[in-house]
Structures are given as structure tokens and as C-alpha cells.
Amino acid sequence: MTAVLSPQIVVAPSLTERCDSCGAAAKLEIALASGGNLAFCGHHANKYAGRLAPMAAKATLEDGFEWAGRSPSA
């Protein structure tokens, strides 16, 4: 059996970063397990959730944002 790791999830009242893909207000900031940070708007966070979740050591979500990369038990 292969274990699937989930990033640590933190919820913040608001985020100040801009999306690295399009410049819109970020709804998700991730700290990569390999180092560095990325920020994404809701659209891009959910579009790339399948690729981002396995790479993230920590994910900070804006309060009220439902991220597709968040496991149902988190």
C-alpha cells in the first residue's frame, strides 16, 4: 500500500499575495517541500490541485476557500 501525504493545512483570515499565474488575489499559498513558495488564485489553485498537493509541505488557505487539493478529512 502506498501512503499519500497531505500538506499541513492552515486557514488564514486573508492573504496578501497575488497569483503567480495570473496576478489575481491569492486564495492559496503553498510552501514547497523542496523549498520556496507559490501563490494561486482560486481558479488556478483548483486547476493545479492534483500537482500542487503532493509537492506542498504547507498550504495556507484563505478562510472560506474550498481547495480541491485538501483531503476530505482535513
PDB file of N, CA and C in Angstrom:
ATOM      1  N   MET A   1       0.844  -1.170   0.000  1.00  0.00           N
ATOM      2  CA  MET A   1       0.000   0.000   0.000  1.00  0.00           C
ATOM      3  C   MET A   1       0.895   1.240   0.000  1.00  0.00           C
ATOM      4  N   THR A   2       0.533   2.238  -0.802  1.00  0.00           N
ATOM      5  CA  THR A   2       1.292   3.479  -0.881  1.00  0.00           C
ATOM      6  C   THR A   2       0.604   4.546  -0.045  1.00  0.00           C
ATOM      7  N   ALA A   3       1.352   5.198   0.831  1.00  0.00           N
ATOM      8  CA  ALA A   3       0.790   6.270   1.651  1.00  0.00           C
ATOM      9  C   ALA A   3       0.762   7.556   0.839  1.00  0.00           C
ATOM     10  N   VAL A   4      -0.335   8.270   0.910  1.00  0.00           N
ATOM     11  CA  VAL A   4      -0.465   9.560   0.258  1.00  0.00           C
ATOM     12  C   VAL A   4      -0.305  10.627   1.328  1.00  0.00           C
ATOM     13  N   LEU A   5       0.682  11.488   1.144  1.00  0.00           N
ATOM     14  CA  LEU A   5       0.933  12.528   2.121  1.00  0.00           C
ATOM     15  C   LEU A   5       0.142  13.774   1.766  1.00  0.00           C
ATOM     16  N   SER A   6      -0.384  14.427   2.779  1.00  0.00           N
ATOM     17  CA  SER A   6      -1.112  15.671   2.603  1.00  0.00           C
ATOM     18  C   SER A   6      -0.311  16.781   3.242  1.00  0.00           C
ATOM     19  N   PRO A   7      -0.365  17.972   2.646  1.00  0.00           N
ATOM     20  CA  PRO A   7       0.339  19.086   3.273  1.00  0.00           C
ATOM     21  C   PRO A   7      -0.359  19.521   4.558  1.00  0.00           C
ATOM     22  N   GLN A   8       0.405  20.144   5.448  1.00  0.00           N
ATOM     23  CA  GLN A   8      -0.198  20.769   6.623  1.00  0.00           C
ATOM     24  C   GLN A   8      -1.097  21.888   6.102  1.00  0.00           C
ATOM     25  N   ILE A   9      -2.347  21.939   6.569  1.00  0.00           N
ATOM     26  CA  ILE A   9      -3.303  22.950   6.116  1.00  0.00           C
ATOM     27  C   ILE A   9      -3.480  23.994   7.213  1.00  0.00           C
ATOM     28  N   VAL A  10      -3.328  25.262   6.827  1.00  0.00           N
ATOM     29  CA  VAL A  10      -3.535  26.383   7.728  1.00  0.00           C
ATOM     30  C   VAL A  10      -4.569  27.288   7.084  1.00  0.00           C
ATOM     31  N   VAL A  11      -5.509  27.798   7.871  1.00  0.00           N
ATOM     32  CA  VAL A  11      -6.513  28.731   7.355  1.00  0.00           C
ATOM     33  C   VAL A  11      -6.207  30.112   7.916  1.00  0.00           C
ATOM     34  N   ALA A  12      -6.157  31.105   7.027  1.00  0.00           N
ATOM     35  CA  ALA A  12      -5.871  32.485   7.416  1.00  0.00           C
ATOM     36  C   ALA A  12      -7.072  33.364   7.071  1.00  0.00           C
ATOM     37  N   PRO A  13      -7.316  34.425   7.837  1.00  0.00           N
ATOM     38  CA  PRO A  13      -8.445  35.304   7.545  1.00  0.00           C
ATOM     39  C   PRO A  13      -8.374  35.905   6.139  1.00  0.00           C
ATOM     40  N   SER A  14      -7.169  36.258   5.696  1.00  0.00           N
ATOM     41  CA  SER A  14      -6.988  36.780   4.340  1.00  0.00           C
ATOM     42  C   SER A  14      -5.531  36.607   3.936  1.00  0.00           C
ATOM     43  N   LEU A  15      -5.281  36.624   2.642  1.00  0.00           N
ATOM     44  CA  LEU A  15      -3.929  36.516   2.099  1.00  0.00           C
ATOM     45  C   LEU A  15      -3.600  37.808   1.364  1.00  0.00           C
ATOM     46  N   THR A  16      -2.330  38.173   1.334  1.00  0.00           N
ATOM     47  CA  THR A  16      -1.928  39.421   0.690  1.00  0.00           C
ATOM     48  C   THR A  16      -1.189  39.210  -0.622  1.00  0.00           C
ATOM     49  N   GLU A  17      -0.833  37.973  -0.931  1.00  0.00           N
ATOM     50  CA  GLU A  17      -0.075  37.670  -2.150  1.00  0.00           C
ATOM     51  C   GLU A  17      -0.972  37.736  -3.386  1.00  0.00           C
ATOM     52  N   ARG A  18      -0.337  37.738  -4.549  1.00  0.00           N
ATOM     53  CA  ARG A  18      -1.031  37.702  -5.835  1.00  0.00           C
ATOM     54  C   ARG A  18      -0.710  36.370  -6.511  1.00  0.00           C
ATOM     55  N   CYS A  19      -1.613  35.900  -7.347  1.00  0.00           N
ATOM     56  CA  CYS A  19      -1.444  34.626  -8.060  1.00  0.00           C
ATOM     57  C   CYS A  19      -0.205  34.672  -8.949  1.00  0.00           C
ATOM     58  N   ASP A  20       0.633  33.655  -8.841  1.00  0.00           N
ATOM     59  CA  ASP A  20       1.826  33.559  -9.669  1.00  0.00           C
ATOM     60  C   ASP A  20       1.494  33.262 -11.123  1.00  0.00           C
ATOM     61  N   SER A  21       0.279  32.815 -11.426  1.00  0.00           N
ATOM     62  CA  SER A  21      -0.119  32.524 -12.802  1.00  0.00           C
ATOM     63  C   SER A  21      -0.762  33.710 -13.506  1.00  0.00           C
ATOM     64  N   CYS A  22      -1.640  34.437 -12.794  1.00  0.00           N
ATOM     65  CA  CYS A  22      -2.401  35.491 -13.481  1.00  0.00           C
ATOM     66  C   CYS A  22      -2.418  36.841 -12.771  1.00  0.00           C
ATOM     67  N   GLY A  23      -1.932  36.922 -11.544  1.00  0.00           N
ATOM     68  CA  GLY A  23      -1.892  38.197 -10.836  1.00  0.00           C
ATOM     69  C   GLY A  23      -3.132  38.529 -10.025  1.00  0.00           C
ATOM     70  N   ALA A  24      -4.136  37.669 -10.044  1.00  0.00           N
ATOM     71  CA  ALA A  24      -5.345  37.907  -9.241  1.00  0.00           C
ATOM     72  C   ALA A  24      -5.022  37.690  -7.759  1.00  0.00           C
ATOM     73  N   ALA A  25      -5.929  38.109  -6.892  1.00  0.00           N
ATOM     74  CA  ALA A  25      -5.732  37.915  -5.448  1.00  0.00           C
ATOM     75  C   ALA A  25      -5.591  36.434  -5.129  1.00  0.00           C
ATOM     76  N   ALA A  26      -4.584  36.097  -4.335  1.00  0.00           N
ATOM     77  CA  ALA A  26      -4.329  34.694  -3.987  1.00  0.00           C
ATOM     78  C   ALA A  26      -5.336  34.188  -2.969  1.00  0.00           C
ATOM     79  N   LYS A  27      -5.754  32.963  -3.144  1.00  0.00           N
ATOM     80  CA  LYS A  27      -6.609  32.249  -2.195  1.00  0.00           C
ATOM     81  C   LYS A  27      -5.844  31.105  -1.539  1.00  0.00           C
ATOM     82  N   LEU A  28      -4.675  30.758  -2.103  1.00  0.00           N
ATOM     83  CA  LEU A  28      -3.845  29.659  -1.618  1.00  0.00           C
ATOM     84  C   LEU A  28      -2.378  30.050  -1.726  1.00  0.00           C
ATOM     85  N   GLU A  29      -1.639  29.820  -0.663  1.00  0.00           N
ATOM     86  CA  GLU A  29      -0.181  29.947  -0.686  1.00  0.00           C
ATOM     87  C   GLU A  29       0.377  28.601  -0.252  1.00  0.00           C
ATOM     88  N   ILE A  30       1.337  28.086  -0.998  1.00  0.00           N
ATOM     89  CA  ILE A  30       1.944  26.821  -0.588  1.00  0.00           C
ATOM     90  C   ILE A  30       3.438  27.008  -0.375  1.00  0.00           C
ATOM     91  N   ALA A  31       3.939  26.314   0.631  1.00  0.00           N
ATOM     92  CA  ALA A  31       5.372  26.193   0.863  1.00  0.00           C
ATOM     93  C   ALA A  31       5.764  24.849   0.291  1.00  0.00           C
ATOM     94  N   LEU A  32       6.643  24.856  -0.679  1.00  0.00           N
ATOM     95  CA  LEU A  32       7.053  23.621  -1.335  1.00  0.00           C
ATOM     96  C   LEU A  32       7.969  22.804  -0.440  1.00  0.00           C
ATOM     97  N   ALA A  33       7.832  21.496  -0.493  1.00  0.00           N
ATOM     98  CA  ALA A  33       8.683  20.609   0.291  1.00  0.00           C
ATOM     99  C   ALA A  33      10.146  20.775  -0.110  1.00  0.00           C
ATOM    100  N   SER A  34      10.395  21.142  -1.364  1.00  0.00           N
ATOM    101  CA  SER A  34      11.758  21.329  -1.858  1.00  0.00           C
ATOM    102  C   SER A  34      12.299  22.727  -1.592  1.00  0.00           C
ATOM    103  N   GLY A  35      11.463  23.602  -1.017  1.00  0.00           N
ATOM    104  CA  GLY A  35      11.857  24.982  -0.740  1.00  0.00           C
ATOM    105  C   GLY A  35      11.146  25.945  -1.663  1.00  0.00           C
ATOM    106  N   GLY A  36      10.902  27.147  -1.200  1.00  0.00           N
ATOM    107  CA  GLY A  36      10.219  28.158  -1.991  1.00  0.00           C
ATOM    108  C   GLY A  36       8.730  28.177  -1.707  1.00  0.00           C
ATOM    109  N   ASN A  37       8.074  29.204  -2.211  1.00  0.00           N
ATOM    110  CA  ASN A  37       6.636  29.399  -2.013  1.00  0.00           C
ATOM    111  C   ASN A  37       5.975  29.745  -3.335  1.00  0.00           C
ATOM    112  N   LEU A  38       4.725  29.377  -3.455  1.00  0.00           N
ATOM    113  CA  LEU A  38       3.909  29.736  -4.606  1.00  0.00           C
ATOM    114  C   LEU A  38       2.561  30.226  -4.103  1.00  0.00           C
ATOM    115  N   ALA A  39       1.926  31.112  -4.881  1.00  0.00           N
ATOM    116  CA  ALA A  39       0.601  31.620  -4.538  1.00  0.00           C
ATOM    117  C   ALA A  39      -0.305  31.487  -5.757  1.00  0.00           C
ATOM    118  N   PHE A  40      -1.576  31.162  -5.513  1.00  0.00           N
ATOM    119  CA  PHE A  40      -2.521  30.969  -6.612  1.00  0.00           C
ATOM    120  C   PHE A  40      -3.890  31.533  -6.264  1.00  0.00           C
ATOM    121  N   CYS A  41      -4.578  32.065  -7.279  1.00  0.00           N
ATOM    122  CA  CYS A  41      -5.972  32.469  -7.130  1.00  0.00           C
ATOM    123  C   CYS A  41      -6.806  31.185  -6.996  1.00  0.00           C
ATOM    124  N   GLY A  42      -8.066  31.310  -6.697  1.00  0.00           N
ATOM    125  CA  GLY A  42      -8.924  30.141  -6.537  1.00  0.00           C
ATOM    126  C   GLY A  42      -8.982  29.278  -7.786  1.00  0.00           C
ATOM    127  N   HIS A  43      -9.085  29.912  -8.938  1.00  0.00           N
ATOM    128  CA  HIS A  43      -9.172  29.174 -10.203  1.00  0.00           C
ATOM    129  C   HIS A  43      -7.925  28.323 -10.435  1.00  0.00           C
ATOM    130  N   HIS A  44      -6.755  28.941 -10.348  1.00  0.00           N
ATOM    131  CA  HIS A  44      -5.520  28.204 -10.611  1.00  0.00           C
ATOM    132  C   HIS A  44      -5.180  27.223  -9.491  1.00  0.00           C
ATOM    133  N   ALA A  45      -5.523  27.543  -8.255  1.00  0.00           N
ATOM    134  CA  ALA A  45      -5.287  26.614  -7.140  1.00  0.00           C
ATOM    135  C   ALA A  45      -6.042  25.312  -7.367  1.00  0.00           C
ATOM    136  N   ASN A  46      -7.285  25.401  -7.800  1.00  0.00           N
ATOM    137  CA  ASN A  46      -8.083  24.195  -8.032  1.00  0.00           C
ATOM    138  C   ASN A  46      -7.703  23.508  -9.345  1.00  0.00           C
ATOM    139  N   LYS A  47      -7.328  24.287 -10.361  1.00  0.00           N
ATOM    140  CA  LYS A  47      -6.918  23.715 -11.641  1.00  0.00           C
ATOM    141  C   LYS A  47      -5.680  22.835 -11.462  1.00  0.00           C
ATOM    142  N   TYR A  48      -4.727  23.280 -10.650  1.00  0.00           N
ATOM    143  CA  TYR A  48      -3.469  22.565 -10.463  1.00  0.00           C
ATOM    144  C   TYR A  48      -3.400  21.784  -9.152  1.00  0.00           C
ATOM    145  N   ALA A  49      -4.502  21.608  -8.463  1.00  0.00           N
ATOM    146  CA  ALA A  49      -4.519  20.959  -7.143  1.00  0.00           C
ATOM    147  C   ALA A  49      -3.861  19.585  -7.158  1.00  0.00           C
ATOM    148  N   GLY A  50      -4.091  18.796  -8.177  1.00  0.00           N
ATOM    149  CA  GLY A  50      -3.527  17.458  -8.246  1.00  0.00           C
ATOM    150  C   GLY A  50      -2.011  17.450  -8.303  1.00  0.00           C
ATOM    151  N   ARG A  51      -1.423  18.495  -8.852  1.00  0.00           N
ATOM    152  CA  ARG A  51       0.040  18.601  -8.922  1.00  0.00           C
ATOM    153  C   ARG A  51       0.608  19.320  -7.705  1.00  0.00           C
ATOM    154  N   LEU A  52      -0.137  20.277  -7.155  1.00  0.00           N
ATOM    155  CA  LEU A  52       0.366  21.076  -6.036  1.00  0.00           C
ATOM    156  C   LEU A  52       0.365  20.331  -4.711  1.00  0.00           C
ATOM    157  N   ALA A  53      -0.699  19.617  -4.417  1.00  0.00           N
ATOM    158  CA  ALA A  53      -0.831  18.958  -3.108  1.00  0.00           C
ATOM    159  C   ALA A  53       0.339  18.030  -2.796  1.00  0.00           C
ATOM    160  N   PRO A  54       0.797  17.190  -3.731  1.00  0.00           N
ATOM    161  CA  PRO A  54       1.912  16.293  -3.402  1.00  0.00           C
ATOM    162  C   PRO A  54       3.248  17.026  -3.194  1.00  0.00           C
ATOM    163  N   MET A  55       3.402  18.224  -3.756  1.00  0.00           N
ATOM    164  CA  MET A  55       4.655  18.973  -3.645  1.00  0.00           C
ATOM    165  C   MET A  55       4.691  19.880  -2.419  1.00  0.00           C
ATOM    166  N   ALA A  56       3.528  20.139  -1.832  1.00  0.00           N
ATOM    167  CA  ALA A  56       3.426  21.124  -0.759  1.00  0.00           C
ATOM    168  C   ALA A  56       3.732  20.530   0.611  1.00  0.00           C
ATOM    169  N   ALA A  57       4.538  21.242   1.385  1.00  0.00           N
ATOM    170  CA  ALA A  57       4.768  20.874   2.778  1.00  0.00           C
ATOM    171  C   ALA A  57       3.707  21.542   3.646  1.00  0.00           C
ATOM    172  N   LYS A  58       3.273  22.745   3.233  1.00  0.00           N
ATOM    173  CA  LYS A  58       2.281  23.509   3.978  1.00  0.00           C
ATOM    174  C   LYS A  58       1.428  24.285   2.982  1.00  0.00           C
ATOM    175  N   ALA A  59       0.135  24.306   3.220  1.00  0.00           N
ATOM    176  CA  ALA A  59      -0.793  25.069   2.392  1.00  0.00           C
ATOM    177  C   ALA A  59      -1.567  26.028   3.285  1.00  0.00           C
ATOM    178  N   THR A  60      -1.536  27.303   2.924  1.00  0.00           N
ATOM    179  CA  THR A  60      -2.298  28.312   3.657  1.00  0.00           C
ATOM    180  C   THR A  60      -3.470  28.733   2.778  1.00  0.00           C
ATOM    181  N   LEU A  61      -4.678  28.494   3.265  1.00  0.00           N
ATOM    182  CA  LEU A  61      -5.898  28.813   2.525  1.00  0.00           C
ATOM    183  C   LEU A  61      -6.553  30.043   3.111  1.00  0.00           C
ATOM    184  N   GLU A  62      -7.124  30.867   2.252  1.00  0.00           N
ATOM    185  CA  GLU A  62      -7.915  31.978   2.745  1.00  0.00           C
ATOM    186  C   GLU A  62      -9.216  31.419   3.306  1.00  0.00           C
ATOM    187  N   ASP A  63      -9.648  31.953   4.442  1.00  0.00           N
ATOM    188  CA  ASP A  63     -10.872  31.493   5.096  1.00  0.00           C
ATOM    189  C   ASP A  63     -12.036  31.511   4.106  1.00  0.00           C
ATOM    190  N   GLY A  64     -12.747  30.403   4.001  1.00  0.00           N
ATOM    191  CA  GLY A  64     -13.894  30.287   3.098  1.00  0.00           C
ATOM    192  C   GLY A  64     -13.566  29.691   1.744  1.00  0.00           C
ATOM    193  N   PHE A  65     -12.280  29.550   1.416  1.00  0.00           N
ATOM    194  CA  PHE A  65     -11.880  28.977   0.124  1.00  0.00           C
ATOM    195  C   PHE A  65     -11.852  27.463   0.219  1.00  0.00           C
ATOM    196  N   GLU A  66     -12.552  26.795  -0.672  1.00  0.00           N
ATOM    197  CA  GLU A  66     -12.584  25.326  -0.723  1.00  0.00           C
ATOM    198  C   GLU A  66     -11.588  24.871  -1.794  1.00  0.00           C
ATOM    199  N   TRP A  67     -10.439  24.375  -1.340  1.00  0.00           N
ATOM    200  CA  TRP A  67      -9.395  23.928  -2.253  1.00  0.00           C
ATOM    201  C   TRP A  67      -9.576  22.464  -2.615  1.00  0.00           C
ATOM    202  N   ALA A  68      -9.508  22.154  -3.900  1.00  0.00           N
ATOM    203  CA  ALA A  68      -9.661  20.776  -4.384  1.00  0.00           C
ATOM    204  C   ALA A  68      -8.524  19.865  -3.906  1.00  0.00           C
ATOM    205  N   GLY A  69      -7.388  20.432  -3.499  1.00  0.00           N
ATOM    206  CA  GLY A  69      -6.259  19.633  -3.036  1.00  0.00           C
ATOM    207  C   GLY A  69      -6.328  19.250  -1.564  1.00  0.00           C
ATOM    208  N   ARG A  70      -7.327  19.739  -0.885  1.00  0.00           N
ATOM    209  CA  ARG A  70      -7.486  19.435   0.533  1.00  0.00           C
ATOM    210  C   ARG A  70      -8.193  18.096   0.684  1.00  0.00           C
ATOM    211  N   SER A  71      -7.606  17.217   1.477  1.00  0.00           N
ATOM    212  CA  SER A  71      -8.237  15.901   1.670  1.00  0.00           C
ATOM    213  C   SER A  71      -9.527  16.087   2.467  1.00  0.00           C
ATOM    214  N   PRO A  72     -10.530  15.241   2.239  1.00  0.00           N
ATOM    215  CA  PRO A  72     -11.822  15.392   2.919  1.00  0.00           C
ATOM    216  C   PRO A  72     -11.731  15.343   4.435  1.00  0.00           C
ATOM    217  N   SER A  73     -10.733  14.659   4.980  1.00  0.00           N
ATOM    218  CA  SER A  73     -10.631  14.547   6.433  1.00  0.00           C
ATOM    219  C   SER A  73      -9.905  15.734   7.055  1.00  0.00           C
ATOM    220  N   ALA A  74      -9.289  16.600   6.233  1.00  0.00           N
ATOM    221  CA  ALA A  74      -8.514  17.742   6.762  1.00  0.00           C
ATOM    222  C   ALA A  74      -9.404  18.890   7.139  1.00  0.00           C
TER     223      ALA A  74
END
